[in-house]
Protein backbone atom coordinates (compact mmCIF):
# COMPACT_ATOMS: atom_id res chain seq x y z
CA MET A 1 15.31 -7.93 -26.14
CA LYS A 2 12.47 -10.04 -24.72
CA GLN A 3 14.55 -13.22 -24.63
CA THR A 4 17.38 -11.36 -22.88
CA TYR A 5 14.85 -10.04 -20.37
CA ARG A 6 13.41 -13.51 -19.81
CA GLU A 7 16.88 -14.73 -18.89
CA LEU A 8 17.30 -11.77 -16.52
CA CYS A 9 14.00 -12.61 -14.80
CA ASP A 10 15.11 -16.21 -14.32
CA GLU A 11 18.26 -15.15 -12.48
CA GLU A 12 17.25 -11.92 -10.72
CA PRO A 13 14.84 -12.36 -7.75
CA SER A 14 14.61 -8.60 -7.16
CA ILE A 15 12.38 -8.11 -10.22
CA PRO A 16 8.84 -7.69 -8.81
CA LEU A 17 6.11 -10.19 -9.62
CA PHE A 18 4.15 -8.02 -12.05
CA SER A 19 7.28 -7.20 -14.06
CA GLN A 20 8.26 -10.85 -14.47
CA ALA A 21 8.25 -12.13 -18.06
CA TRP A 22 6.00 -15.09 -17.22
CA TRP A 23 3.41 -12.77 -15.68
CA LEU A 24 3.44 -10.46 -18.71
CA ASP A 25 3.07 -13.46 -21.01
CA ALA A 26 -0.05 -14.48 -19.08
CA VAL A 27 -1.74 -11.06 -18.88
CA ALA A 28 -0.55 -9.38 -22.09
CA GLY A 29 0.40 -12.11 -24.56
CA GLU A 30 2.38 -10.60 -27.43
CA SER A 31 1.47 -7.01 -26.51
CA TRP A 32 4.36 -6.50 -24.12
CA ASP A 33 7.97 -5.61 -24.79
CA VAL A 34 10.90 -4.19 -22.86
CA VAL A 35 13.66 -1.60 -23.14
CA LEU A 36 17.03 -2.34 -21.56
CA VAL A 37 20.12 -0.47 -20.45
CA ILE A 38 23.27 -2.58 -20.76
CA LYS A 39 26.73 -1.68 -19.49
CA ASN A 40 29.79 -3.92 -19.71
CA GLU A 41 27.57 -6.69 -21.10
CA LYS A 42 25.37 -6.62 -17.98
CA ILE A 43 21.80 -5.38 -17.80
CA ILE A 44 21.63 -2.52 -15.30
CA GLY A 45 18.11 -1.31 -16.09
CA ALA A 46 14.91 -2.65 -17.62
CA LEU A 47 11.48 -1.21 -18.31
CA PRO A 48 8.80 -3.64 -19.51
CA TYR A 49 5.71 -2.05 -21.05
CA VAL A 50 2.47 -3.02 -22.75
CA GLN A 51 1.40 -1.02 -25.80
CA ASN A 52 -1.79 -1.26 -27.84
CA LYS A 53 -3.77 0.77 -30.34
CA LYS A 54 -7.02 2.28 -29.04
CA TYR A 55 -9.19 4.45 -31.29
CA GLY A 56 -6.15 5.08 -33.45
CA PHE A 57 -3.97 6.16 -30.52
CA SER A 58 -0.85 4.35 -29.30
CA VAL A 59 -1.53 3.67 -25.62
CA SER A 60 0.82 2.13 -23.05
CA THR A 61 -0.95 1.20 -19.81
CA GLN A 62 -1.21 -1.48 -17.12
CA PRO A 63 -2.57 -4.91 -18.13
CA LYS A 64 -5.56 -6.23 -16.22
CA LEU A 65 -4.83 -7.61 -12.72
CA THR A 66 -1.35 -6.05 -12.83
CA GLN A 67 -0.85 -3.75 -9.87
CA THR A 68 2.52 -2.34 -10.85
CA LEU A 69 4.99 -2.30 -13.70
CA GLY A 70 7.70 0.32 -14.14
CA PRO A 71 11.50 0.31 -14.19
CA TRP A 72 13.88 -2.12 -12.57
CA ILE A 73 17.40 -0.93 -11.67
CA ARG A 74 20.22 -3.25 -10.71
CA HIS A 75 21.26 -2.71 -7.11
CA THR A 76 24.55 -0.92 -6.55
CA LYS A 77 26.67 -0.32 -3.45
CA LYS A 78 27.57 3.20 -4.55
CA SER A 79 27.45 6.07 -2.08
CA TYR A 80 24.21 8.03 -1.87
CA PRO A 81 25.25 10.87 -4.23
CA LYS A 82 26.78 8.44 -6.72
CA GLY A 83 23.75 6.18 -6.38
CA LEU A 84 21.45 9.03 -7.37
CA ALA A 85 23.67 9.82 -10.34
CA TYR A 86 23.53 6.15 -11.32
CA GLU A 87 19.72 6.12 -11.07
CA LYS A 88 19.50 9.34 -13.08
CA ASP A 89 21.55 7.82 -15.86
CA VAL A 90 19.68 4.50 -15.97
CA LEU A 91 16.17 5.96 -15.63
CA GLY A 92 16.92 8.68 -18.15
CA GLN A 93 18.07 6.13 -20.70
CA LEU A 94 15.02 3.94 -20.11
CA ALA A 95 12.64 6.86 -20.60
CA ALA A 96 14.43 7.92 -23.78
CA ARG A 97 14.30 4.40 -25.25
CA LEU A 98 10.56 3.94 -24.90
CA PRO A 99 8.84 3.67 -28.29
CA SER A 100 6.66 6.53 -29.51
CA PHE A 101 3.29 6.72 -27.75
CA ASP A 102 0.29 9.01 -27.46
CA TYR A 103 -0.41 8.12 -23.85
CA PHE A 104 1.71 6.35 -21.23
CA SER A 105 0.69 5.37 -17.70
CA GLN A 106 2.35 2.94 -15.30
CA ASN A 107 2.14 2.23 -11.60
CA TRP A 108 5.66 1.76 -10.25
CA HIS A 109 6.57 -0.73 -7.55
CA CYS A 110 6.72 0.88 -4.11
CA SER A 111 10.45 0.13 -3.82
CA LEU A 112 11.21 2.66 -6.57
CA THR A 113 10.90 6.20 -5.22
CA ASN A 114 13.03 8.24 -7.61
CA TRP A 115 10.97 9.34 -10.61
CA LEU A 116 12.81 12.66 -11.08
CA PRO A 117 14.55 11.64 -14.35
CA PHE A 118 11.10 10.97 -15.84
CA TYR A 119 9.88 14.37 -14.61
CA TRP A 120 12.73 15.99 -16.51
CA LYS A 121 11.42 14.28 -19.64
CA GLY A 122 7.91 15.65 -19.26
CA PHE A 123 6.18 12.91 -17.26
CA GLU A 124 3.75 13.50 -14.40
CA GLN A 125 3.29 11.64 -11.12
CA THR A 126 0.35 10.83 -8.86
CA THR A 127 0.85 9.17 -5.50
CA ARG A 128 -1.24 6.12 -4.67
CA TYR A 129 -1.20 3.73 -1.71
CA THR A 130 -1.02 0.06 -0.97
CA TYR A 131 -1.01 -1.66 2.43
CA ARG A 132 1.75 -4.05 3.40
CA ILE A 133 2.35 -6.06 6.55
CA ASN A 134 5.39 -7.95 7.82
CA ILE A 135 4.23 -11.51 8.47
CA LYS A 136 7.43 -12.96 9.97
CA SER A 137 5.92 -12.86 13.48
CA ASP A 138 4.46 -16.07 14.87
CA LYS A 139 0.74 -16.65 14.45
CA GLU A 140 -0.30 -15.24 17.83
CA GLU A 141 1.84 -12.11 17.52
CA LEU A 142 0.48 -11.50 14.04
CA LEU A 143 -3.07 -11.84 15.32
CA LYS A 144 -2.37 -9.32 18.11
CA SER A 145 -1.35 -6.72 15.53
CA PHE A 146 -4.86 -6.75 13.99
CA GLN A 147 -7.55 -4.34 15.12
CA GLN A 148 -10.19 -5.67 17.50
CA ASN A 149 -12.92 -5.97 14.86
CA ILE A 150 -10.70 -8.11 12.60
CA ARG A 151 -9.75 -10.39 15.52
CA GLY A 152 -13.43 -10.65 16.41
CA ASP A 153 -14.34 -11.66 12.85
CA ILE A 154 -11.65 -14.35 12.87
CA ARG A 155 -12.84 -15.79 16.20
CA LYS A 156 -16.46 -15.71 15.06
CA ALA A 157 -15.73 -17.51 11.80
CA LYS A 158 -13.40 -20.09 13.30
CA ASP A 159 -14.75 -20.77 16.78
CA LYS A 160 -18.47 -19.98 16.59
CA LEU A 161 -19.28 -21.00 13.02
CA GLY A 162 -16.67 -23.72 12.56
CA ILE A 163 -15.45 -22.35 9.25
CA LYS A 164 -12.39 -24.07 7.83
CA ILE A 165 -9.88 -22.85 5.25
CA ARG A 166 -8.82 -25.22 2.49
CA GLU A 167 -7.27 -25.13 -0.96
CA GLY A 168 -10.05 -24.40 -3.42
CA THR A 169 -10.52 -25.02 -7.09
CA LEU A 170 -10.31 -22.12 -9.47
CA GLU A 171 -13.99 -22.66 -10.31
CA GLU A 172 -14.96 -22.32 -6.64
CA PHE A 173 -12.95 -19.15 -6.30
CA TRP A 174 -14.35 -17.69 -9.52
CA GLN A 175 -17.91 -18.24 -8.25
CA LEU A 176 -17.11 -16.28 -5.08
CA ASN A 177 -15.33 -13.56 -7.02
CA VAL A 178 -18.27 -13.06 -9.39
CA MET A 179 -20.71 -12.96 -6.46
CA THR A 180 -18.88 -9.94 -5.06
CA PHE A 181 -19.30 -8.00 -8.28
CA LYS A 182 -22.95 -9.02 -8.62
CA ARG A 183 -23.64 -7.64 -5.15
CA GLN A 184 -22.20 -4.34 -6.39
CA GLN A 185 -24.26 -4.62 -9.61
CA ARG A 186 -21.06 -4.78 -11.64
CA THR A 187 -19.36 -7.29 -13.90
CA PRO A 188 -15.72 -8.29 -13.29
CA PRO A 189 -13.32 -5.99 -15.19
CA TYR A 190 -11.38 -9.09 -16.29
CA THR A 191 -12.36 -12.41 -17.82
CA LYS A 192 -12.32 -15.92 -16.42
CA GLU A 193 -9.98 -16.85 -19.30
CA LEU A 194 -7.44 -14.28 -18.08
CA LEU A 195 -7.57 -15.68 -14.56
CA GLU A 196 -7.14 -19.19 -15.97
CA ARG A 197 -3.99 -18.11 -17.83
CA ILE A 198 -2.57 -16.55 -14.68
CA ASP A 199 -3.50 -19.63 -12.64
CA GLY A 200 -1.87 -21.97 -15.13
CA ALA A 201 1.39 -20.01 -15.18
CA ALA A 202 1.45 -19.49 -11.39
CA SER A 203 0.59 -23.13 -10.69
CA ASP A 204 3.41 -24.31 -12.94
CA ARG A 205 5.80 -22.28 -10.78
CA ASN A 206 4.12 -23.21 -7.48
CA VAL A 207 3.70 -19.54 -6.54
CA ARG A 208 -0.04 -19.28 -5.91
CA ASP A 209 -2.56 -20.07 -3.18
CA CYS A 210 -6.24 -20.40 -4.02
CA LEU A 211 -7.97 -20.56 -0.64
CA VAL A 212 -11.65 -20.84 0.24
CA ALA A 213 -13.54 -20.65 3.54
CA VAL A 214 -16.10 -23.44 3.97
CA ASP A 215 -18.57 -24.15 6.79
CA ASN A 216 -19.70 -27.52 8.13
CA GLU A 217 -22.53 -27.66 5.60
CA GLY A 218 -20.15 -27.23 2.72
CA GLN A 219 -21.17 -23.65 1.95
CA LEU A 220 -18.48 -21.43 0.44
CA HIS A 221 -18.20 -18.17 2.39
CA ALA A 222 -15.12 -16.37 1.02
CA GLY A 223 -11.98 -16.86 -1.00
CA ALA A 224 -8.55 -15.35 -1.54
CA TYR A 225 -6.19 -15.74 -4.48
CA ILE A 226 -2.55 -15.10 -3.58
CA VAL A 227 0.51 -14.93 -5.84
CA LYS A 228 4.04 -14.73 -4.42
CA SER A 229 7.40 -13.62 -5.73
CA GLY A 230 10.66 -13.13 -3.88
CA ASN A 231 9.91 -12.06 -0.30
CA THR A 232 6.39 -10.80 -1.01
CA ALA A 233 2.95 -12.39 -1.31
CA TYR A 234 0.29 -10.38 -3.14
CA TYR A 235 -3.45 -10.53 -2.44
CA LEU A 236 -4.44 -10.56 -6.08
CA LEU A 237 -8.19 -11.17 -5.79
CA GLY A 238 -10.88 -11.95 -3.25
CA GLY A 239 -14.52 -12.90 -3.25
CA GLY A 240 -17.39 -13.69 -0.97
CA ASN A 241 -20.93 -14.96 -0.81
CA PRO A 242 -23.06 -11.83 -0.10
CA LYS A 243 -25.60 -13.93 1.83
CA LEU A 244 -22.85 -15.02 4.23
CA ARG A 245 -20.73 -11.86 4.29
CA ASN A 246 -21.23 -11.28 8.04
CA SER A 247 -19.62 -14.60 9.00
CA GLY A 248 -16.13 -13.11 9.33
CA ALA A 249 -14.79 -15.58 6.78
CA THR A 250 -13.02 -12.94 4.67
CA SER A 251 -10.86 -11.92 7.63
CA LEU A 252 -10.18 -15.57 8.46
CA VAL A 253 -9.16 -16.55 4.93
CA LEU A 254 -6.73 -13.61 4.73
CA PHE A 255 -5.23 -14.45 8.12
CA GLU A 256 -4.73 -18.07 7.04
CA ALA A 257 -3.25 -16.89 3.74
CA MET A 258 -0.60 -14.99 5.70
CA CYS A 259 0.11 -17.90 8.02
CA ARG A 260 0.54 -20.37 5.16
CA GLN A 261 3.30 -18.47 3.40
CA PRO A 262 6.74 -20.12 3.18
CA ASP A 263 9.64 -18.89 5.30
CA GLU A 264 11.15 -16.75 2.52
CA VAL A 265 7.99 -14.62 2.28
CA GLU A 266 8.24 -11.69 4.69
CA ILE A 267 5.71 -9.20 3.32
CA PHE A 268 1.99 -9.58 2.59
CA ASP A 269 0.81 -6.92 0.14
CA PHE A 270 -2.92 -6.22 0.12
CA GLU A 271 -2.44 -4.41 -3.22
CA GLY A 272 -4.09 -1.38 -1.66
CA SER A 273 -7.14 0.51 -2.77
CA MET A 274 -8.12 4.13 -3.18
CA ILE A 275 -11.71 3.11 -2.30
CA GLU A 276 -12.40 4.20 1.29
CA PRO A 277 -14.24 1.12 2.70
CA ILE A 278 -11.64 -1.26 1.22
CA GLU A 279 -8.79 0.88 2.56
CA ARG A 280 -10.37 0.81 6.02
CA PHE A 281 -10.65 -3.00 5.93
CA PHE A 282 -7.01 -3.49 4.89
CA ARG A 283 -5.84 -1.00 7.51
CA GLY A 284 -7.58 -3.10 10.15
CA PHE A 285 -4.96 -5.83 9.71
CA GLY A 286 -2.29 -3.51 11.07
CA ALA A 287 -0.76 -3.12 7.63
CA ILE A 288 1.47 -0.16 6.86
CA GLN A 289 0.28 2.45 4.39
CA THR A 290 2.89 2.43 1.63
CA PRO A 291 3.00 4.96 -1.22
CA TYR A 292 3.71 4.07 -4.82
CA TYR A 293 3.75 6.23 -7.93
CA ASN A 294 1.64 6.41 -11.05
CA VAL A 295 3.87 7.93 -13.73
CA SER A 296 2.19 9.16 -16.90
CA LYS A 297 2.60 11.31 -19.98
CA THR A 298 0.17 12.43 -22.69
CA ARG A 299 1.75 13.46 -25.98
CA SER A 300 -1.39 13.73 -28.10
CA LYS A 301 -2.97 17.20 -27.92
CA LEU A 302 -6.36 15.63 -28.63
CA LEU A 303 -6.00 13.22 -25.73
CA LYS A 304 -4.79 16.05 -23.46
CA THR A 305 -7.95 17.97 -24.27
CA ALA A 306 -10.13 14.91 -23.68
CA ARG A 307 -8.49 14.23 -20.30
CA TYR A 308 -8.90 17.87 -19.30
CA LEU A 309 -12.59 17.87 -20.21
CA LYS A 310 -13.10 14.60 -18.34
CA GLY A 311 -11.61 16.24 -15.26
CA LEU A 312 -14.03 19.16 -15.53
CA VAL A 313 -17.12 16.95 -15.50
CA ARG A 314 -16.14 14.72 -12.58
């Protein structure tokens, strides 16, 4: 099944970045697999998943640094009612073919809005949000769509402080990324080795930008790590020097990341956040709030009880 899916990914640009076989190889190794729906010798549906054992339970969740996963359905030109029937059939088969699990949770790509067939099979849904902006406008028009504070940060960084954006090394970016977590008295929830695997795979395919903001004294202010697939570029990770965080460099590096995308990239996805200050910052770029679904199911009674109790003590 995995080899068949790899071949599908090579020929089908509509499969989102985080569902691509090469991405799953980088973030999940041998832990991922896929279920397929095939009709007339053509794949019409696919659902990659990652499954591991945790404390004796079979758990299927998102890999680190993987915003979405979920089903892919081959596009059809059927009428709306027939299209829904088609989706019902494909999604229902995908759900039924998943291996046995105690807990399942996936974030679905925002393009997939019909989770009803999973609901009929006992799954639950929670709505989350990302922020996406169309970047096909020219540079000046794009800048005008930003809120005043973001434009002010960009002017400050570029014109007053002379900050330049250049391609950075992964080591430079990692330093900035770690600084951000240290300021929050946290450690990164992923390892440098994981980022190196992603960087190696993305670099081989020429689908990543690792940008850093540098002043005239050579100080690193901020960085952005971007991965692109199809018509979308994803802001995977950022970082900044907490001593220089008021320079406006974070806004500048994101603006330059948008401007440097190739012609085929139309959408810049900030990957969203349910954390209020981060949401406010992304919204300042004029990005559109876009819902996506977390679809989950807990089969284990013990895990259901644990999740219920966890909810009570929040």
